Every structure is written in C-alpha cells, then in structure tokens.
N, C-alpha and C. Protein backbone atom coordinates (compact mmCIF):
# COMPACT_ATOMS: atom_id res chain seq x y z
N MET A 1 0.85 -1.17 0.00
CA MET A 1 0.00 0.00 0.00
C MET A 1 0.89 1.23 0.00
N THR A 2 0.66 2.13 -0.93
CA THR A 2 1.42 3.36 -0.99
C THR A 2 0.46 4.54 -0.96
N VAL A 3 0.59 5.35 0.06
CA VAL A 3 -0.19 6.57 0.16
C VAL A 3 0.79 7.72 0.05
N PRO A 4 0.66 8.55 -1.02
CA PRO A 4 1.64 9.61 -1.23
C PRO A 4 1.80 10.49 0.02
N GLY A 5 3.07 10.73 0.40
CA GLY A 5 3.35 11.61 1.52
C GLY A 5 3.13 11.01 2.89
N LYS A 6 2.80 9.73 2.96
CA LYS A 6 2.55 9.10 4.26
C LYS A 6 3.42 7.87 4.42
N ASN A 7 3.86 7.63 5.66
CA ASN A 7 4.60 6.41 5.97
C ASN A 7 3.64 5.24 6.07
N THR A 8 4.15 4.06 5.77
CA THR A 8 3.37 2.84 5.89
C THR A 8 3.95 1.99 7.01
N TYR A 9 3.06 1.49 7.88
CA TYR A 9 3.46 0.69 9.02
C TYR A 9 2.85 -0.70 8.90
N THR A 10 3.50 -1.67 9.54
CA THR A 10 2.98 -3.03 9.57
C THR A 10 2.38 -3.29 10.95
N ALA A 11 1.17 -3.80 10.96
CA ALA A 11 0.50 -4.14 12.22
C ALA A 11 -0.08 -5.54 12.11
N TYR A 12 -0.30 -6.16 13.27
CA TYR A 12 -0.94 -7.47 13.33
C TYR A 12 -2.23 -7.31 14.13
N ILE A 13 -3.31 -7.80 13.56
CA ILE A 13 -4.64 -7.66 14.16
C ILE A 13 -5.24 -9.03 14.37
N ALA A 14 -5.64 -9.33 15.61
CA ALA A 14 -6.33 -10.58 15.92
C ALA A 14 -7.82 -10.37 15.70
N VAL A 15 -8.45 -11.38 15.09
CA VAL A 15 -9.87 -11.33 14.76
C VAL A 15 -10.55 -12.52 15.42
N GLY A 16 -11.70 -12.29 16.05
CA GLY A 16 -12.41 -13.40 16.69
C GLY A 16 -13.90 -13.14 16.78
N ALA A 17 -14.66 -14.22 16.89
CA ALA A 17 -16.11 -14.13 17.06
C ALA A 17 -16.60 -15.44 17.66
N ASN A 18 -17.65 -15.35 18.52
CA ASN A 18 -18.26 -16.58 19.01
C ASN A 18 -19.79 -16.50 19.05
N LEU A 19 -20.36 -15.54 18.35
CA LEU A 19 -21.81 -15.44 18.21
C LEU A 19 -22.16 -15.40 16.74
N GLY A 20 -23.31 -15.97 16.39
CA GLY A 20 -23.76 -15.97 14.99
C GLY A 20 -22.87 -16.83 14.12
N ASP A 21 -22.81 -16.51 12.85
CA ASP A 21 -21.93 -17.21 11.91
C ASP A 21 -20.53 -16.65 12.12
N ARG A 22 -19.70 -17.39 12.85
CA ARG A 22 -18.43 -16.87 13.31
C ARG A 22 -17.46 -16.54 12.18
N ILE A 23 -17.35 -17.45 11.21
CA ILE A 23 -16.45 -17.19 10.08
C ILE A 23 -16.94 -15.96 9.31
N ALA A 24 -18.23 -15.89 9.04
CA ALA A 24 -18.77 -14.75 8.30
C ALA A 24 -18.55 -13.45 9.07
N GLY A 25 -18.72 -13.50 10.40
CA GLY A 25 -18.49 -12.32 11.22
C GLY A 25 -17.05 -11.84 11.14
N CYS A 26 -16.12 -12.78 11.21
CA CYS A 26 -14.70 -12.42 11.09
C CYS A 26 -14.39 -11.85 9.71
N ARG A 27 -14.90 -12.49 8.68
CA ARG A 27 -14.66 -12.02 7.32
C ARG A 27 -15.24 -10.62 7.10
N GLU A 28 -16.43 -10.40 7.61
CA GLU A 28 -17.04 -9.08 7.45
C GLU A 28 -16.19 -8.01 8.14
N GLY A 29 -15.70 -8.30 9.32
CA GLY A 29 -14.84 -7.35 10.02
C GLY A 29 -13.59 -7.03 9.23
N ILE A 30 -12.95 -8.05 8.67
CA ILE A 30 -11.72 -7.86 7.89
C ILE A 30 -12.01 -7.04 6.64
N LEU A 31 -13.11 -7.34 5.94
CA LEU A 31 -13.47 -6.58 4.75
C LEU A 31 -13.74 -5.13 5.07
N ARG A 32 -14.41 -4.87 6.18
CA ARG A 32 -14.71 -3.49 6.56
C ARG A 32 -13.43 -2.72 6.91
N LEU A 33 -12.46 -3.41 7.48
CA LEU A 33 -11.18 -2.75 7.75
C LEU A 33 -10.52 -2.28 6.47
N ALA A 34 -10.63 -3.09 5.43
CA ALA A 34 -9.95 -2.78 4.18
C ALA A 34 -10.72 -1.78 3.30
N GLU A 35 -11.99 -1.54 3.59
CA GLU A 35 -12.83 -0.71 2.72
C GLU A 35 -12.35 0.73 2.60
N SER A 36 -11.79 1.28 3.66
CA SER A 36 -11.44 2.70 3.66
C SER A 36 -10.26 3.04 2.77
N GLY A 37 -9.42 2.07 2.50
CA GLY A 37 -8.26 2.32 1.66
C GLY A 37 -6.99 2.67 2.43
N ASP A 38 -7.09 2.91 3.73
CA ASP A 38 -5.88 3.21 4.49
C ASP A 38 -5.41 2.03 5.33
N ILE A 39 -6.04 0.87 5.13
CA ILE A 39 -5.59 -0.39 5.72
C ILE A 39 -5.59 -1.43 4.61
N GLU A 40 -4.46 -2.05 4.39
CA GLU A 40 -4.35 -3.11 3.38
C GLU A 40 -4.08 -4.44 4.08
N ILE A 41 -4.92 -5.44 3.81
CA ILE A 41 -4.72 -6.77 4.37
C ILE A 41 -3.63 -7.45 3.54
N VAL A 42 -2.48 -7.70 4.15
CA VAL A 42 -1.33 -8.26 3.44
C VAL A 42 -1.31 -9.78 3.53
N HIS A 43 -1.65 -10.30 4.70
CA HIS A 43 -1.60 -11.76 4.92
C HIS A 43 -2.67 -12.11 5.94
N HIS A 44 -3.29 -13.26 5.73
CA HIS A 44 -4.41 -13.69 6.58
C HIS A 44 -4.13 -15.13 6.98
N SER A 45 -4.13 -15.39 8.27
CA SER A 45 -3.89 -16.76 8.76
C SER A 45 -5.12 -17.63 8.48
N PRO A 46 -4.96 -18.94 8.61
CA PRO A 46 -6.14 -19.81 8.64
C PRO A 46 -6.98 -19.49 9.88
N TYR A 47 -8.22 -19.95 9.86
CA TYR A 47 -9.10 -19.80 11.02
C TYR A 47 -8.89 -20.96 11.99
N TYR A 48 -9.09 -20.68 13.27
CA TYR A 48 -8.99 -21.69 14.31
C TYR A 48 -10.26 -21.67 15.16
N TYR A 49 -10.66 -22.86 15.57
CA TYR A 49 -11.80 -23.03 16.45
C TYR A 49 -11.22 -23.18 17.85
N THR A 50 -11.53 -22.24 18.78
CA THR A 50 -10.79 -22.17 20.03
C THR A 50 -11.68 -22.14 21.26
N GLU A 51 -11.20 -22.78 22.29
CA GLU A 51 -11.90 -22.82 23.57
C GLU A 51 -11.80 -21.46 24.25
N PRO A 52 -12.88 -20.97 24.86
CA PRO A 52 -12.82 -19.68 25.55
C PRO A 52 -11.78 -19.68 26.67
N VAL A 53 -11.16 -18.53 26.88
CA VAL A 53 -10.17 -18.35 27.94
C VAL A 53 -10.71 -17.31 28.92
N ASP A 54 -10.49 -17.52 30.19
CA ASP A 54 -10.88 -16.61 31.28
C ASP A 54 -12.36 -16.70 31.65
N TYR A 55 -13.24 -16.77 30.67
CA TYR A 55 -14.68 -16.91 30.95
C TYR A 55 -15.17 -18.09 30.13
N ALA A 56 -15.31 -19.26 30.78
CA ALA A 56 -15.52 -20.52 30.06
C ALA A 56 -16.96 -20.76 29.64
N ASP A 57 -17.94 -20.17 30.31
CA ASP A 57 -19.34 -20.47 30.07
C ASP A 57 -19.89 -19.68 28.88
N GLN A 58 -19.39 -20.02 27.68
CA GLN A 58 -19.81 -19.35 26.45
C GLN A 58 -19.40 -20.24 25.27
N PRO A 59 -19.96 -19.97 24.09
CA PRO A 59 -19.58 -20.79 22.91
C PRO A 59 -18.11 -20.63 22.56
N TRP A 60 -17.58 -21.64 21.88
CA TRP A 60 -16.21 -21.57 21.39
C TRP A 60 -16.10 -20.45 20.35
N PHE A 61 -14.89 -19.96 20.17
CA PHE A 61 -14.61 -18.88 19.22
C PHE A 61 -14.05 -19.42 17.91
N VAL A 62 -14.14 -18.60 16.89
CA VAL A 62 -13.33 -18.74 15.68
C VAL A 62 -12.37 -17.57 15.71
N ASN A 63 -11.07 -17.84 15.48
CA ASN A 63 -10.04 -16.80 15.54
C ASN A 63 -9.10 -16.87 14.36
N ALA A 64 -8.53 -15.74 14.01
CA ALA A 64 -7.51 -15.63 12.97
C ALA A 64 -6.66 -14.40 13.30
N VAL A 65 -5.58 -14.23 12.55
CA VAL A 65 -4.74 -13.03 12.67
C VAL A 65 -4.43 -12.53 11.27
N CYS A 66 -4.44 -11.21 11.10
CA CYS A 66 -4.08 -10.58 9.83
C CYS A 66 -2.86 -9.69 10.00
N ARG A 67 -1.99 -9.72 9.00
CA ARG A 67 -0.93 -8.72 8.92
C ARG A 67 -1.44 -7.64 7.98
N VAL A 68 -1.33 -6.38 8.40
CA VAL A 68 -1.82 -5.29 7.58
C VAL A 68 -0.74 -4.24 7.39
N HIS A 69 -0.86 -3.49 6.30
CA HIS A 69 -0.08 -2.28 6.11
C HIS A 69 -1.05 -1.12 6.27
N THR A 70 -0.61 -0.09 6.96
CA THR A 70 -1.48 1.05 7.20
C THR A 70 -0.68 2.33 7.33
N CYS A 71 -1.32 3.44 6.97
CA CYS A 71 -0.72 4.76 7.22
C CYS A 71 -1.29 5.37 8.49
N LEU A 72 -2.20 4.66 9.14
CA LEU A 72 -2.80 5.16 10.39
C LEU A 72 -1.82 5.03 11.54
N ASP A 73 -1.82 6.00 12.45
CA ASP A 73 -1.02 5.87 13.66
C ASP A 73 -1.73 4.88 14.58
N PRO A 74 -1.06 4.38 15.63
CA PRO A 74 -1.66 3.33 16.47
C PRO A 74 -3.01 3.71 17.07
N ARG A 75 -3.16 4.93 17.57
CA ARG A 75 -4.42 5.34 18.19
C ARG A 75 -5.55 5.39 17.15
N SER A 76 -5.24 5.89 15.95
CA SER A 76 -6.25 5.94 14.89
C SER A 76 -6.62 4.54 14.42
N LEU A 77 -5.63 3.65 14.37
CA LEU A 77 -5.91 2.27 13.99
C LEU A 77 -6.81 1.61 15.03
N LEU A 78 -6.52 1.81 16.31
CA LEU A 78 -7.38 1.26 17.36
C LEU A 78 -8.80 1.81 17.23
N GLY A 79 -8.91 3.10 16.95
CA GLY A 79 -10.23 3.71 16.75
C GLY A 79 -10.98 3.06 15.61
N ARG A 80 -10.26 2.75 14.54
CA ARG A 80 -10.89 2.08 13.39
C ARG A 80 -11.38 0.70 13.79
N LEU A 81 -10.58 -0.04 14.56
CA LEU A 81 -10.99 -1.37 15.00
C LEU A 81 -12.28 -1.30 15.80
N LYS A 82 -12.36 -0.34 16.72
CA LYS A 82 -13.56 -0.19 17.55
C LYS A 82 -14.77 0.21 16.72
N THR A 83 -14.57 1.06 15.72
CA THR A 83 -15.67 1.47 14.84
C THR A 83 -16.20 0.28 14.06
N VAL A 84 -15.30 -0.53 13.52
CA VAL A 84 -15.73 -1.72 12.76
C VAL A 84 -16.47 -2.68 13.67
N GLU A 85 -15.97 -2.91 14.88
CA GLU A 85 -16.69 -3.77 15.82
C GLU A 85 -18.11 -3.27 16.04
N ALA A 86 -18.25 -1.98 16.26
CA ALA A 86 -19.57 -1.40 16.53
C ALA A 86 -20.50 -1.51 15.33
N THR A 87 -19.96 -1.29 14.12
CA THR A 87 -20.82 -1.33 12.92
C THR A 87 -21.23 -2.76 12.55
N THR A 88 -20.53 -3.75 13.09
CA THR A 88 -20.93 -5.13 12.82
C THR A 88 -21.85 -5.68 13.91
N GLY A 89 -22.22 -4.83 14.86
CA GLY A 89 -23.21 -5.23 15.85
C GLY A 89 -22.68 -5.62 17.21
N ARG A 90 -21.39 -5.42 17.45
CA ARG A 90 -20.87 -5.76 18.78
C ARG A 90 -21.42 -4.78 19.81
N SER A 91 -21.87 -5.34 20.92
CA SER A 91 -22.29 -4.49 22.03
C SER A 91 -21.18 -4.50 23.07
N PHE A 92 -20.97 -3.36 23.69
CA PHE A 92 -19.89 -3.23 24.67
C PHE A 92 -20.46 -3.26 26.07
N GLY A 93 -19.63 -3.61 27.04
CA GLY A 93 -20.10 -3.80 28.40
C GLY A 93 -20.37 -5.28 28.61
N GLY A 94 -21.08 -5.62 29.65
CA GLY A 94 -21.37 -7.02 29.94
C GLY A 94 -20.19 -7.72 30.56
N VAL A 95 -20.13 -9.03 30.38
CA VAL A 95 -19.10 -9.86 31.01
C VAL A 95 -17.75 -9.63 30.32
N ARG A 96 -16.72 -9.38 31.13
CA ARG A 96 -15.38 -9.22 30.55
C ARG A 96 -14.95 -10.55 29.95
N PHE A 97 -14.38 -10.49 28.75
CA PHE A 97 -13.95 -11.67 27.98
C PHE A 97 -15.15 -12.53 27.59
N GLY A 98 -16.36 -11.96 27.62
CA GLY A 98 -17.57 -12.71 27.31
C GLY A 98 -17.85 -12.79 25.81
N PRO A 99 -19.06 -13.30 25.46
CA PRO A 99 -19.41 -13.52 24.06
C PRO A 99 -19.41 -12.22 23.25
N ARG A 100 -19.05 -12.34 21.97
CA ARG A 100 -19.08 -11.18 21.08
C ARG A 100 -19.25 -11.60 19.64
N VAL A 101 -19.91 -10.75 18.88
CA VAL A 101 -20.14 -11.00 17.46
C VAL A 101 -18.87 -10.73 16.66
N LEU A 102 -17.99 -9.85 17.19
CA LEU A 102 -16.71 -9.57 16.54
C LEU A 102 -15.76 -8.95 17.56
N ASP A 103 -14.52 -9.40 17.53
CA ASP A 103 -13.48 -8.84 18.38
C ASP A 103 -12.26 -8.58 17.50
N LEU A 104 -11.78 -7.34 17.50
CA LEU A 104 -10.59 -6.96 16.74
C LEU A 104 -9.59 -6.37 17.73
N ASP A 105 -8.42 -6.98 17.85
CA ASP A 105 -7.40 -6.52 18.79
C ASP A 105 -6.11 -6.18 18.06
N LEU A 106 -5.54 -5.04 18.39
CA LEU A 106 -4.24 -4.65 17.85
C LEU A 106 -3.17 -5.38 18.66
N ILE A 107 -2.46 -6.28 18.02
CA ILE A 107 -1.46 -7.12 18.70
C ILE A 107 -0.08 -6.46 18.65
N PHE A 108 0.38 -6.12 17.45
CA PHE A 108 1.66 -5.45 17.26
C PHE A 108 1.49 -4.29 16.29
N TYR A 109 2.31 -3.28 16.44
CA TYR A 109 2.38 -2.16 15.50
C TYR A 109 3.86 -1.93 15.26
N ASP A 110 4.37 -2.47 14.14
CA ASP A 110 5.81 -2.52 13.91
C ASP A 110 6.48 -3.05 15.19
N GLN A 111 7.52 -2.39 15.65
CA GLN A 111 8.18 -2.79 16.90
C GLN A 111 7.85 -1.81 18.03
N ALA A 112 6.75 -1.09 17.88
CA ALA A 112 6.37 -0.06 18.86
C ALA A 112 6.00 -0.69 20.21
N VAL A 113 6.36 0.02 21.27
CA VAL A 113 5.95 -0.33 22.63
C VAL A 113 5.21 0.91 23.15
N ILE A 114 3.90 0.74 23.40
CA ILE A 114 3.05 1.86 23.80
C ILE A 114 2.31 1.45 25.07
N GLN A 115 2.33 2.30 26.06
CA GLN A 115 1.58 2.03 27.29
C GLN A 115 0.91 3.32 27.74
N THR A 116 -0.36 3.46 27.37
CA THR A 116 -1.17 4.58 27.83
C THR A 116 -2.41 4.01 28.49
N ARG A 117 -3.26 4.88 28.99
CA ARG A 117 -4.45 4.43 29.70
C ARG A 117 -5.39 3.63 28.79
N ASP A 118 -5.46 4.02 27.52
CA ASP A 118 -6.42 3.39 26.62
C ASP A 118 -5.77 2.59 25.48
N LEU A 119 -4.46 2.48 25.46
CA LEU A 119 -3.80 1.73 24.41
C LEU A 119 -2.51 1.11 24.93
N VAL A 120 -2.42 -0.23 24.83
CA VAL A 120 -1.20 -0.95 25.20
C VAL A 120 -0.81 -1.83 24.02
N VAL A 121 0.39 -1.60 23.50
CA VAL A 121 0.94 -2.37 22.39
C VAL A 121 2.38 -2.71 22.77
N PRO A 122 2.79 -3.98 22.61
CA PRO A 122 2.03 -5.14 22.18
C PRO A 122 0.86 -5.44 23.12
N HIS A 123 -0.11 -6.17 22.58
CA HIS A 123 -1.28 -6.52 23.37
C HIS A 123 -0.81 -7.21 24.65
N PRO A 124 -1.30 -6.79 25.82
CA PRO A 124 -0.73 -7.26 27.09
C PRO A 124 -0.96 -8.73 27.44
N ARG A 125 -1.92 -9.40 26.80
CA ARG A 125 -2.18 -10.80 27.12
C ARG A 125 -1.94 -11.75 25.95
N MET A 126 -1.46 -11.24 24.83
CA MET A 126 -1.33 -12.08 23.64
C MET A 126 -0.39 -13.27 23.85
N HIS A 127 0.63 -13.10 24.67
CA HIS A 127 1.62 -14.17 24.88
C HIS A 127 1.06 -15.32 25.71
N GLN A 128 -0.14 -15.15 26.29
CA GLN A 128 -0.77 -16.18 27.11
C GLN A 128 -1.89 -16.90 26.37
N ARG A 129 -2.11 -16.57 25.11
CA ARG A 129 -3.30 -17.04 24.42
C ARG A 129 -2.97 -17.79 23.12
N ALA A 130 -3.27 -19.08 23.13
CA ALA A 130 -3.05 -19.88 21.92
C ALA A 130 -3.89 -19.37 20.76
N PHE A 131 -5.08 -18.82 21.04
CA PHE A 131 -5.93 -18.36 19.95
C PHE A 131 -5.35 -17.14 19.22
N VAL A 132 -4.36 -16.50 19.81
CA VAL A 132 -3.61 -15.45 19.10
C VAL A 132 -2.32 -16.04 18.53
N LEU A 133 -1.59 -16.79 19.36
CA LEU A 133 -0.26 -17.26 18.96
C LEU A 133 -0.28 -18.27 17.81
N ARG A 134 -1.26 -19.18 17.80
CA ARG A 134 -1.25 -20.19 16.72
C ARG A 134 -1.48 -19.56 15.35
N PRO A 135 -2.53 -18.75 15.16
CA PRO A 135 -2.67 -18.12 13.84
C PRO A 135 -1.55 -17.13 13.54
N LEU A 136 -1.03 -16.44 14.56
CA LEU A 136 0.09 -15.52 14.35
C LEU A 136 1.32 -16.29 13.89
N HIS A 137 1.53 -17.45 14.48
CA HIS A 137 2.66 -18.30 14.09
C HIS A 137 2.58 -18.68 12.61
N ASP A 138 1.36 -18.89 12.10
CA ASP A 138 1.20 -19.27 10.69
C ASP A 138 1.70 -18.20 9.73
N ILE A 139 1.65 -16.94 10.14
CA ILE A 139 2.03 -15.86 9.22
C ILE A 139 3.27 -15.08 9.67
N ALA A 140 3.73 -15.32 10.92
CA ALA A 140 4.88 -14.54 11.42
C ALA A 140 5.63 -15.30 12.51
N ALA A 141 6.00 -16.53 12.24
CA ALA A 141 6.64 -17.38 13.25
C ALA A 141 7.92 -16.76 13.81
N ASP A 142 8.65 -16.02 12.98
CA ASP A 142 9.93 -15.46 13.40
C ASP A 142 9.84 -14.03 13.91
N PHE A 143 8.63 -13.49 13.99
CA PHE A 143 8.47 -12.12 14.52
C PHE A 143 8.92 -12.11 15.97
N VAL A 144 9.70 -11.10 16.36
CA VAL A 144 10.23 -11.01 17.71
C VAL A 144 9.41 -9.99 18.51
N HIS A 145 8.86 -10.45 19.62
CA HIS A 145 8.09 -9.59 20.51
C HIS A 145 9.01 -8.47 21.01
N PRO A 146 8.64 -7.21 20.83
CA PRO A 146 9.57 -6.11 21.16
C PRO A 146 9.83 -5.92 22.65
N VAL A 147 9.02 -6.50 23.52
CA VAL A 147 9.26 -6.40 24.96
C VAL A 147 9.99 -7.63 25.47
N PHE A 148 9.48 -8.82 25.15
CA PHE A 148 10.07 -10.07 25.66
C PHE A 148 11.29 -10.52 24.87
N ARG A 149 11.48 -9.94 23.67
CA ARG A 149 12.59 -10.34 22.79
C ARG A 149 12.58 -11.83 22.51
N THR A 150 11.39 -12.36 22.29
CA THR A 150 11.18 -13.78 22.04
C THR A 150 10.39 -13.94 20.75
N ARG A 151 10.75 -14.94 19.94
CA ARG A 151 10.03 -15.21 18.70
C ARG A 151 8.66 -15.82 19.02
N ILE A 152 7.72 -15.61 18.09
CA ILE A 152 6.38 -16.17 18.24
C ILE A 152 6.46 -17.68 18.37
N SER A 153 7.34 -18.32 17.59
CA SER A 153 7.48 -19.78 17.65
C SER A 153 7.88 -20.25 19.04
N GLU A 154 8.72 -19.47 19.73
CA GLU A 154 9.13 -19.84 21.09
C GLU A 154 7.98 -19.62 22.09
N MET A 155 7.22 -18.55 21.91
CA MET A 155 6.10 -18.27 22.82
C MET A 155 5.06 -19.38 22.74
N LEU A 156 4.87 -19.91 21.56
CA LEU A 156 3.87 -20.95 21.35
C LEU A 156 4.25 -22.25 22.04
N SER A 157 5.52 -22.44 22.32
CA SER A 157 5.96 -23.69 22.97
C SER A 157 5.79 -23.66 24.49
N ASP A 158 5.36 -22.54 25.06
CA ASP A 158 5.09 -22.47 26.49
C ASP A 158 4.04 -23.52 26.84
N PRO A 159 4.28 -24.38 27.86
CA PRO A 159 3.33 -25.46 28.17
C PRO A 159 1.91 -24.99 28.48
N GLU A 160 1.77 -23.84 29.13
CA GLU A 160 0.43 -23.34 29.44
C GLU A 160 -0.32 -22.95 28.17
N VAL A 161 0.38 -22.40 27.22
CA VAL A 161 -0.24 -22.01 25.94
C VAL A 161 -0.51 -23.26 25.11
N ALA A 162 0.47 -24.16 25.06
CA ALA A 162 0.33 -25.37 24.24
C ALA A 162 -0.84 -26.23 24.71
N GLY A 163 -1.22 -26.12 25.97
CA GLY A 163 -2.33 -26.91 26.50
C GLY A 163 -3.71 -26.36 26.21
N GLN A 164 -3.80 -25.19 25.64
CA GLN A 164 -5.11 -24.59 25.33
C GLN A 164 -5.66 -25.19 24.03
N ALA A 165 -6.94 -25.54 24.05
CA ALA A 165 -7.57 -26.16 22.87
C ALA A 165 -7.70 -25.14 21.75
N CYS A 166 -7.12 -25.49 20.60
CA CYS A 166 -7.08 -24.58 19.46
C CYS A 166 -6.97 -25.45 18.20
N TYR A 167 -8.08 -25.60 17.47
CA TYR A 167 -8.15 -26.51 16.34
C TYR A 167 -8.26 -25.72 15.04
N ARG A 168 -7.43 -26.05 14.08
CA ARG A 168 -7.50 -25.37 12.80
C ARG A 168 -8.78 -25.78 12.06
N VAL A 169 -9.47 -24.79 11.52
CA VAL A 169 -10.69 -25.05 10.76
C VAL A 169 -10.29 -25.46 9.35
N ALA A 170 -10.76 -26.63 8.95
CA ALA A 170 -10.36 -27.14 7.64
C ALA A 170 -11.19 -26.52 6.52
N ASP A 171 -12.45 -26.29 6.77
CA ASP A 171 -13.30 -25.70 5.73
C ASP A 171 -14.57 -25.15 6.35
N GLU A 172 -15.35 -24.41 5.57
CA GLU A 172 -16.56 -23.79 6.09
C GLU A 172 -17.59 -24.82 6.53
N ALA A 173 -17.63 -25.97 5.88
CA ALA A 173 -18.59 -27.00 6.27
C ALA A 173 -18.33 -27.43 7.71
N PHE A 174 -17.05 -27.51 8.08
CA PHE A 174 -16.73 -27.86 9.46
C PHE A 174 -17.26 -26.80 10.42
N CYS A 175 -17.09 -25.53 10.07
CA CYS A 175 -17.55 -24.46 10.96
C CYS A 175 -19.03 -24.58 11.24
N LYS A 176 -19.80 -24.88 10.19
CA LYS A 176 -21.25 -24.98 10.37
C LYS A 176 -21.60 -26.23 11.18
N THR A 177 -20.86 -27.31 10.97
CA THR A 177 -21.14 -28.55 11.67
C THR A 177 -20.73 -28.46 13.13
N ALA A 178 -19.61 -27.79 13.41
CA ALA A 178 -19.03 -27.79 14.75
C ALA A 178 -19.53 -26.66 15.63
N ALA A 179 -20.30 -25.74 15.09
CA ALA A 179 -20.72 -24.57 15.87
C ALA A 179 -21.37 -25.00 17.18
N GLY A 180 -20.84 -24.49 18.29
CA GLY A 180 -21.41 -24.76 19.60
C GLY A 180 -20.99 -26.07 20.22
N ARG A 181 -20.15 -26.85 19.55
CA ARG A 181 -19.74 -28.14 20.12
C ARG A 181 -18.69 -27.96 21.20
N THR A 182 -18.60 -28.93 22.05
CA THR A 182 -17.56 -28.96 23.08
C THR A 182 -16.31 -29.59 22.48
N ALA A 183 -15.24 -29.64 23.26
CA ALA A 183 -14.01 -30.27 22.78
C ALA A 183 -14.26 -31.73 22.39
N ALA A 184 -15.05 -32.46 23.19
CA ALA A 184 -15.34 -33.86 22.86
C ALA A 184 -16.09 -33.94 21.54
N GLY A 185 -17.01 -33.02 21.32
CA GLY A 185 -17.75 -33.00 20.06
C GLY A 185 -16.84 -32.73 18.88
N CYS A 186 -15.86 -31.87 19.07
CA CYS A 186 -14.91 -31.59 17.99
C CYS A 186 -14.12 -32.83 17.63
N GLU A 187 -13.75 -33.62 18.63
CA GLU A 187 -12.97 -34.82 18.37
C GLU A 187 -13.74 -35.80 17.49
N GLU A 188 -15.07 -35.76 17.52
CA GLU A 188 -15.87 -36.66 16.70
C GLU A 188 -15.69 -36.38 15.21
N ILE A 189 -15.26 -35.16 14.89
CA ILE A 189 -15.07 -34.82 13.48
C ILE A 189 -13.59 -34.65 13.22
N GLY A 190 -12.81 -35.58 13.73
CA GLY A 190 -11.36 -35.48 13.69
C GLY A 190 -10.75 -35.27 12.33
N ASN A 191 -11.38 -35.77 11.26
CA ASN A 191 -10.81 -35.61 9.94
C ASN A 191 -10.96 -34.18 9.42
N SER A 192 -11.72 -33.32 10.13
CA SER A 192 -11.91 -31.96 9.68
C SER A 192 -11.00 -30.97 10.40
N LEU A 193 -10.17 -31.44 11.31
CA LEU A 193 -9.35 -30.50 12.07
C LEU A 193 -8.08 -31.17 12.52
N TYR A 194 -7.15 -30.36 12.94
CA TYR A 194 -5.98 -30.91 13.61
C TYR A 194 -5.61 -29.97 14.73
N LYS A 195 -4.94 -30.52 15.71
CA LYS A 195 -4.55 -29.70 16.86
C LYS A 195 -3.11 -29.29 16.72
C-alpha cells in the first residue's frame, strides 16, 4: 500500500467471534477494515476453532490473525478497529472476555511499545493465548516480541499455551457442523481438524 506523503506501518490484528456465523463475522470485520483504503490486508492466517479463555461459560470462538499495512497511527488504527466492531453489531459492556459477534485486537504495530491508559501495544495478554499465537505463528513465526525479545514460535511452545484447545478449521462445512460443540464434540469430526 502506498499513500503519497505518508509512511506505511505493519501491524498485526487478531480477529475473533463466538456469536452468529463466526467465520462470516470475522470475514465481514476484515473486509470493513480494508474498505477505507488506508488499511491493506497483506496476509491472513487460517481460522482456528478455540476454547474460551478466562470466561468458560460461552460458545467456542473462531479466531484468525491478519498482517496489515497502514498509514494510520496506532491510536487511529485502534479507533478504526472499535468502529468496525460497533458497525458489525458488537455491544460493549457485559461480562469481561464474554461472548461477542466480533473482536478486533491490535497485537503489534511494527516494533512499537506503547503504554497509555487506553492503548497498550504489544497486546498485554497475547503471549498467554493460543488463539492469538497459533494463527500468528502461521504468518509470522519469526516475529520477535519487542518487549520479551522472544520469537512467536518460542512463545507458542510455552506449556500453558500449548495446552489450550485450538483446532484449525479445515473448511466452512466444518464451521457450520461444529458450531457450539464442546471439545469432545470436535474430536468426533477429527478428519476436519488438527490440533
């Protein structure tokens, strides 16, 4: 992406949904990000079907990660993510880490380290979450976390992260079949996923 007179930055955005048609919700969010012309989707990971973390009493999520090029500064990019979430029907408030129709999180912005009241980059919990690290590993295994100075591939080998249920979605038919299933239910369709 080239915008005359503007610098271009690389950012990584985590995408997730666990309400409605999860794949469609994630895709709609990604398309809306790209509509304005100041965010270009450069690379898109496969989708993963993931067990909820922190608040377990909710449907499983579908998650992915995108690498984007943008001329937006970090705060403006975060604002865009929140706007897209709102326009796709996400309601704010309620249970923390609870169900949502779309979740867009800014994971990395080049090698920037930002800590303000309303913006923390790198994302402060990404290193603890397989649903971020597995799809991120697919598109940026050698990316080095600017705070921990550790590659994504190394972060993924942490035993606590490796133990989190995170299954790659093989195709859309699987998503429709597996929606709302438990881990045991997912195992019944073993030929449609791998861990």
